[in-house]
Amino acid sequence: MTPPTLDATPVPAVDPVVEADPCASPGPASASVEVSGALGASPVIDADGPFDVDRVQRTVLLEGAGRPAQDGDLVEVAITMLNATSGDQAPGTAQARVLLEQGAALPGLLAAIRCTPAGSRVVAVVPSELAYGTAGQPELSIGPGDDVVFVVDVLAILPLQAAGEPVALPDGFPALELRFAPDGRPSVGVPDGDPPATLVSAVLLEGAGPVVAEGDELLLQFQAVNWRTREVFDETWRDAPRSVLTVLPGVDAALLGRTVGSRVVVVVPPGDGFGSAGSPSSGVTGTDTVVYVVDILATTPAPA
């Protein structure tokens, strides 16, 4: 079988019908699937189905080192799918970041990833009710009620907050009151008085990872506060880290040249932020300065 082309197809999330086992065990169906190819690349799958399973069967083909992925982790994976009923292979291999949290992705996919260390490859045969159910996914060659074979390469378990070395704020930096919960979520207190007229930024934690270059896609945790109202108008901490190519011009400029693992605070005047139009849906006017606290979790270099 010809390996599919690697792409960045998103992994859709669905509401689970039933919950999968916390750590799925092997079974005759998953043990019979043969997979070849390098970790992280599009694999060749030989599955002598059709299969009809009543639970997730999961076999580890290659086991990495380190701790197993667990609930709450953000995991970088490469996923290839095969229709367990018809034998049709879905087009492409999806590279995705999956939050191991109920409702964040297909429950059968969560079961395939959970309990697996980075550097591993697993094959999971998943009943339809833990995959695409009665709706199916025609564009992925999955029909209504079809069971699914997942081949999952667990590439990395990503941090959910910056973990660099603390850095003191420079003299003259605005007197923001910055506090952080154990999970990293910031609380920003804005001082009385006018904000600075120009863009200012500082590193709070200095990471040791790759340097952010122009055009990179960044995985970020951030919180955005309106200086005038002192209200949070956008953040990832109540949801999940966000992959972005751009935030605001001033934030983008402040992150350029910083390192993965860093935490950066940026005070952005309107000319470097939302401009004269503001952002009415966020309660930001055309004269508002905004404050961003950003954790840089990962970077994907721009295509050459």
Protein backbone atom coordinates (compact mmCIF):
# COMPACT_ATOMS: atom_id res chain seq x y z
CA MET A 1 0.00 0.00 0.00
CA THR A 2 1.38 3.46 -0.87
CA PRO A 3 1.94 5.64 2.19
CA PRO A 4 -0.39 8.66 2.38
CA THR A 5 0.87 12.22 2.14
CA LEU A 6 1.60 13.95 5.42
CA ASP A 7 -0.62 16.95 6.03
CA ALA A 8 -2.06 19.01 8.85
CA THR A 9 -5.64 17.75 8.75
CA PRO A 10 -7.33 18.65 12.07
CA VAL A 11 -8.59 15.88 14.31
CA PRO A 12 -12.31 16.53 14.83
CA ALA A 13 -13.85 16.33 18.27
CA VAL A 14 -17.19 14.69 18.96
CA ASP A 15 -19.34 14.22 22.02
CA PRO A 16 -18.58 10.74 23.36
CA VAL A 17 -21.40 8.23 23.39
CA VAL A 18 -19.67 6.01 25.93
CA GLU A 19 -16.36 6.32 27.74
CA ALA A 20 -13.35 4.29 26.69
CA ASP A 21 -11.11 2.34 29.07
CA PRO A 22 -8.51 4.55 30.82
CA CYS A 23 -5.64 2.41 29.46
CA ALA A 24 -6.81 0.25 26.58
CA SER A 25 -5.31 -3.23 26.39
CA PRO A 26 -4.31 -5.33 23.35
CA GLY A 27 -6.67 -7.69 21.57
CA PRO A 28 -6.60 -10.04 18.59
CA ALA A 29 -7.69 -7.30 16.17
CA SER A 30 -5.03 -4.75 17.19
CA ALA A 31 -2.35 -7.47 17.42
CA SER A 32 -3.00 -8.50 13.82
CA VAL A 33 -2.35 -5.06 12.30
CA GLU A 34 1.14 -4.66 10.81
CA VAL A 35 2.67 -1.22 10.38
CA SER A 36 5.95 -0.15 8.80
CA GLY A 37 7.69 3.18 8.30
CA ALA A 38 9.60 5.67 10.41
CA LEU A 39 8.09 7.24 13.52
CA GLY A 40 6.40 10.52 12.61
CA ALA A 41 6.23 9.69 8.90
CA SER A 42 3.26 8.35 6.96
CA PRO A 43 3.13 4.61 7.72
CA VAL A 44 2.25 1.63 5.55
CA ILE A 45 -0.58 -0.32 7.20
CA ASP A 46 -1.41 -3.96 6.57
CA ALA A 47 -4.69 -4.83 8.28
CA ASP A 48 -6.33 -8.16 7.47
CA GLY A 49 -9.89 -7.18 8.42
CA PRO A 50 -12.71 -6.56 8.45
CA PHE A 51 -12.77 -6.04 12.22
CA ASP A 52 -15.78 -5.76 14.50
CA VAL A 53 -14.81 -4.90 18.07
CA ASP A 54 -16.83 -4.05 21.18
CA ARG A 55 -14.02 -2.23 22.99
CA VAL A 56 -10.85 -0.32 22.15
CA GLN A 57 -8.04 -2.78 21.46
CA ARG A 58 -4.62 -1.12 21.64
CA THR A 59 -1.24 -2.66 20.87
CA VAL A 60 2.05 -0.82 21.39
CA LEU A 61 4.28 -1.38 18.35
CA LEU A 62 7.15 0.84 19.49
CA GLU A 63 7.49 2.05 23.08
CA GLY A 64 9.28 5.27 23.88
CA ALA A 65 10.95 6.32 27.09
CA GLY A 66 9.60 8.66 29.73
CA ARG A 67 6.32 8.89 31.53
CA PRO A 68 3.07 7.79 29.89
CA ALA A 69 0.65 10.43 28.64
CA GLN A 70 -2.20 11.00 31.08
CA ASP A 71 -5.42 12.97 31.37
CA GLY A 72 -4.81 16.71 31.12
CA ASP A 73 -1.69 16.37 28.97
CA LEU A 74 -1.26 18.11 25.63
CA VAL A 75 0.22 15.56 23.24
CA GLU A 76 1.71 16.06 19.77
CA VAL A 77 0.83 13.14 17.52
CA ALA A 78 0.79 11.89 13.94
CA ILE A 79 -2.39 9.94 13.17
CA THR A 80 -3.32 7.66 10.27
CA MET A 81 -6.78 6.10 9.99
CA LEU A 82 -8.10 2.99 8.32
CA ASN A 83 -11.71 1.90 7.98
CA ALA A 84 -11.81 -1.31 10.03
CA THR A 85 -14.89 -2.51 8.15
CA SER A 86 -14.03 -1.82 4.50
CA GLY A 87 -10.23 -1.61 4.73
CA ASP A 88 -10.19 1.83 3.05
CA GLN A 89 -7.43 4.12 4.26
CA ALA A 90 -8.19 7.74 5.04
CA PRO A 91 -6.26 10.23 2.90
CA GLY A 92 -3.17 11.65 4.53
CA THR A 93 -1.61 11.48 7.96
CA ALA A 94 -2.81 14.16 10.35
CA GLN A 95 -0.33 15.91 12.60
CA ALA A 96 -2.16 17.34 15.56
CA ARG A 97 -1.92 18.44 19.15
CA VAL A 98 -4.50 16.62 21.24
CA LEU A 99 -5.57 17.61 24.73
CA LEU A 100 -6.30 14.46 26.72
CA GLU A 101 -9.61 15.62 28.05
CA GLN A 102 -13.06 14.17 27.54
CA GLY A 103 -14.79 15.94 24.66
CA ALA A 104 -11.56 17.38 23.23
CA ALA A 105 -11.20 14.62 20.61
CA LEU A 106 -12.73 11.30 19.62
CA PRO A 107 -12.93 9.12 22.76
CA GLY A 108 -11.35 6.19 20.92
CA LEU A 109 -8.46 8.40 19.88
CA LEU A 110 -7.99 9.57 23.47
CA ALA A 111 -7.88 5.91 24.54
CA ALA A 112 -5.23 5.19 21.91
CA ILE A 113 -2.98 8.02 23.12
CA ARG A 114 -3.52 7.76 26.87
CA CYS A 115 -0.91 5.75 28.82
CA THR A 116 1.61 6.05 25.96
CA PRO A 117 5.08 7.65 26.35
CA ALA A 118 6.50 10.04 23.76
CA GLY A 119 8.46 8.20 21.08
CA SER A 120 5.86 5.44 20.84
CA ARG A 121 3.76 4.05 18.01
CA VAL A 122 0.47 2.34 18.82
CA VAL A 123 -2.29 0.76 16.77
CA ALA A 124 -5.83 0.87 18.12
CA VAL A 125 -8.96 -0.76 16.73
CA VAL A 126 -11.90 1.34 17.89
CA PRO A 127 -15.64 0.55 17.85
CA SER A 128 -17.76 3.00 15.90
CA GLU A 129 -19.48 4.42 18.98
CA LEU A 130 -16.07 5.64 20.22
CA ALA A 131 -15.13 6.96 16.77
CA TYR A 132 -17.50 8.59 14.26
CA GLY A 133 -20.67 6.77 15.31
CA THR A 134 -23.72 6.66 13.09
CA ALA A 135 -22.70 9.84 11.25
CA GLY A 136 -19.43 8.50 9.87
CA GLN A 137 -16.87 10.76 8.21
CA PRO A 138 -17.15 10.31 4.42
CA GLU A 139 -14.19 12.56 3.58
CA LEU A 140 -12.03 10.23 5.67
CA SER A 141 -13.49 7.08 4.09
CA ILE A 142 -15.37 6.26 7.30
CA GLY A 143 -19.01 5.27 6.81
CA PRO A 144 -21.87 5.29 9.33
CA GLY A 145 -21.32 2.65 12.00
CA ASP A 146 -17.84 1.72 10.80
CA ASP A 147 -15.16 0.72 13.28
CA VAL A 148 -11.82 2.48 12.84
CA VAL A 149 -8.13 1.56 13.01
CA PHE A 150 -5.90 4.33 14.35
CA VAL A 151 -2.13 4.22 13.96
CA VAL A 152 -0.80 6.89 16.32
CA ASP A 153 2.77 8.11 16.68
CA VAL A 154 3.12 9.94 20.00
CA LEU A 155 5.79 12.50 19.21
CA ALA A 156 5.90 14.65 22.35
CA ILE A 157 4.10 15.51 25.56
CA LEU A 158 4.00 19.30 25.52
CA PRO A 159 4.10 21.60 28.54
CA LEU A 160 0.99 23.59 29.43
CA GLN A 161 2.91 26.52 30.88
CA ALA A 162 6.31 28.16 30.56
CA ALA A 163 9.03 26.60 32.67
CA GLY A 164 12.04 28.89 32.16
CA GLU A 165 14.31 30.64 34.62
CA PRO A 166 12.87 33.70 36.42
CA VAL A 167 14.03 37.10 35.17
CA ALA A 168 13.61 40.38 37.06
CA LEU A 169 11.59 43.11 35.38
CA PRO A 170 13.74 45.96 34.05
CA ASP A 171 13.82 49.32 35.79
CA GLY A 172 11.05 51.62 34.69
CA PHE A 173 8.73 48.83 33.53
CA PRO A 174 5.05 49.64 34.20
CA ALA A 175 4.03 48.73 37.74
CA LEU A 176 1.79 45.83 36.81
CA GLU A 177 0.83 43.44 39.60
CA LEU A 178 1.51 39.98 38.18
CA ARG A 179 0.47 36.83 39.98
CA PHE A 180 0.34 33.25 38.73
CA ALA A 181 -1.74 30.27 39.80
CA PRO A 182 -0.05 26.87 40.16
CA ASP A 183 -1.26 25.93 36.68
CA GLY A 184 0.35 29.08 35.28
CA ARG A 185 -2.78 31.15 34.74
CA PRO A 186 -1.92 34.82 35.25
CA SER A 187 -3.72 37.50 37.20
CA VAL A 188 -2.82 40.97 35.98
CA GLY A 189 -3.35 44.05 38.14
CA VAL A 190 -3.18 47.31 36.17
CA PRO A 191 -1.84 50.38 38.03
CA ASP A 192 -3.62 53.70 38.22
CA GLY A 193 -2.63 56.31 35.69
CA ASP A 194 -2.04 56.40 31.98
CA PRO A 195 -0.41 53.51 30.14
CA PRO A 196 2.93 53.94 28.36
CA ALA A 197 2.64 55.59 24.96
CA THR A 198 4.98 53.12 23.27
CA LEU A 199 5.26 49.34 23.15
CA VAL A 200 7.12 47.82 26.09
CA SER A 201 7.83 44.16 26.81
CA ALA A 202 9.83 42.06 29.23
CA VAL A 203 10.71 38.44 29.87
CA LEU A 204 9.42 36.98 33.14
CA LEU A 205 10.73 33.44 32.54
CA GLU A 206 13.61 32.72 30.15
CA GLY A 207 13.15 29.42 28.31
CA ALA A 208 15.88 27.19 26.92
CA GLY A 209 14.07 26.03 23.77
CA PRO A 210 14.29 27.06 20.11
CA VAL A 211 14.29 30.72 19.16
CA VAL A 212 11.09 32.14 17.66
CA ALA A 213 11.72 33.19 14.05
CA GLU A 214 9.58 35.22 11.69
CA GLY A 215 6.82 33.15 10.12
CA ASP A 216 6.87 30.42 12.78
CA GLU A 217 3.62 28.93 14.01
CA LEU A 218 3.52 29.27 17.78
CA LEU A 219 1.74 27.26 20.44
CA LEU A 220 0.82 29.75 23.15
CA GLN A 221 -0.95 30.18 26.43
CA PHE A 222 -1.91 33.80 26.90
CA GLN A 223 -4.13 36.23 28.74
CA ALA A 224 -5.12 39.65 27.41
CA VAL A 225 -6.25 42.49 29.69
CA ASN A 226 -7.65 45.90 28.76
CA TRP A 227 -5.66 48.58 30.62
CA ARG A 228 -8.67 50.92 30.78
CA THR A 229 -11.27 48.45 32.06
CA ARG A 230 -8.85 46.08 33.86
CA GLU A 231 -10.90 43.23 32.42
CA VAL A 232 -9.65 40.03 30.76
CA PHE A 233 -11.02 40.04 27.19
CA ASP A 234 -9.26 37.00 25.76
CA GLU A 235 -7.30 34.04 27.11
CA THR A 236 -6.44 30.43 26.48
CA TRP A 237 -6.23 29.34 30.10
CA ARG A 238 -9.93 28.50 30.38
CA ASP A 239 -9.75 26.44 27.19
CA ALA A 240 -6.50 25.04 25.73
CA PRO A 241 -3.23 26.39 24.28
CA ARG A 242 -3.71 28.00 20.89
CA SER A 243 -1.64 27.52 17.73
CA VAL A 244 -1.25 30.86 15.96
CA LEU A 245 0.73 32.52 13.20
CA THR A 246 -0.02 35.99 14.54
CA VAL A 247 -1.58 37.62 17.61
CA LEU A 248 -1.23 41.40 17.31
CA PRO A 249 1.59 43.30 15.59
CA GLY A 250 3.03 44.44 18.91
CA VAL A 251 2.81 41.01 20.51
CA ASP A 252 4.30 39.35 17.43
CA ALA A 253 7.25 41.77 17.55
CA ALA A 254 7.79 41.15 21.27
CA LEU A 255 7.88 37.36 20.82
CA LEU A 256 10.28 37.42 17.87
CA GLY A 257 13.71 36.24 19.04
CA ARG A 258 12.38 34.86 22.32
CA THR A 259 12.85 31.21 23.21
CA VAL A 260 10.37 28.39 23.70
CA GLY A 261 9.68 27.97 27.42
CA SER A 262 9.64 31.73 27.99
CA ARG A 263 6.93 33.84 29.61
CA VAL A 264 6.66 37.37 28.21
CA VAL A 265 4.58 40.37 29.27
CA VAL A 266 3.77 42.96 26.59
CA VAL A 267 2.05 46.34 26.98
CA VAL A 268 0.58 47.19 23.58
CA PRO A 269 -0.63 50.70 22.65
CA PRO A 270 -3.44 50.91 20.10
CA GLY A 271 -1.11 51.70 17.19
CA ASP A 272 0.64 48.34 17.71
CA GLY A 273 -2.54 46.53 18.68
CA PHE A 274 -6.13 46.79 17.48
CA GLY A 275 -5.67 50.18 15.83
CA SER A 276 -8.24 52.95 15.59
CA ALA A 277 -11.03 50.43 14.92
CA GLY A 278 -10.48 48.65 18.20
CA SER A 279 -12.25 45.35 18.77
CA PRO A 280 -15.88 46.10 19.67
CA SER A 281 -16.73 42.45 20.26
CA SER A 282 -13.97 42.35 22.92
CA GLY A 283 -14.84 45.69 24.48
CA VAL A 284 -11.60 47.25 23.17
CA THR A 285 -11.90 50.79 21.79
CA GLY A 286 -9.61 52.44 19.26
CA THR A 287 -7.72 54.24 22.06
CA ASP A 288 -7.26 51.30 24.43
CA THR A 289 -3.89 49.92 25.46
CA VAL A 290 -3.86 46.18 26.16
CA VAL A 291 -1.60 43.93 28.22
CA TYR A 292 -0.67 40.40 27.12
CA VAL A 293 1.03 37.76 29.26
CA VAL A 294 2.23 35.01 26.92
CA ASP A 295 3.77 31.58 27.56
CA ILE A 296 5.62 30.22 24.51
CA LEU A 297 5.09 26.45 24.60
CA ALA A 298 6.27 25.29 21.17
CA THR A 299 7.20 26.57 17.74
CA THR A 300 6.83 25.09 14.27
CA PRO A 301 9.26 26.69 11.81
CA ALA A 302 7.85 28.31 8.69
CA PRO A 303 8.16 26.17 5.54
CA ALA A 304 11.47 26.70 3.75
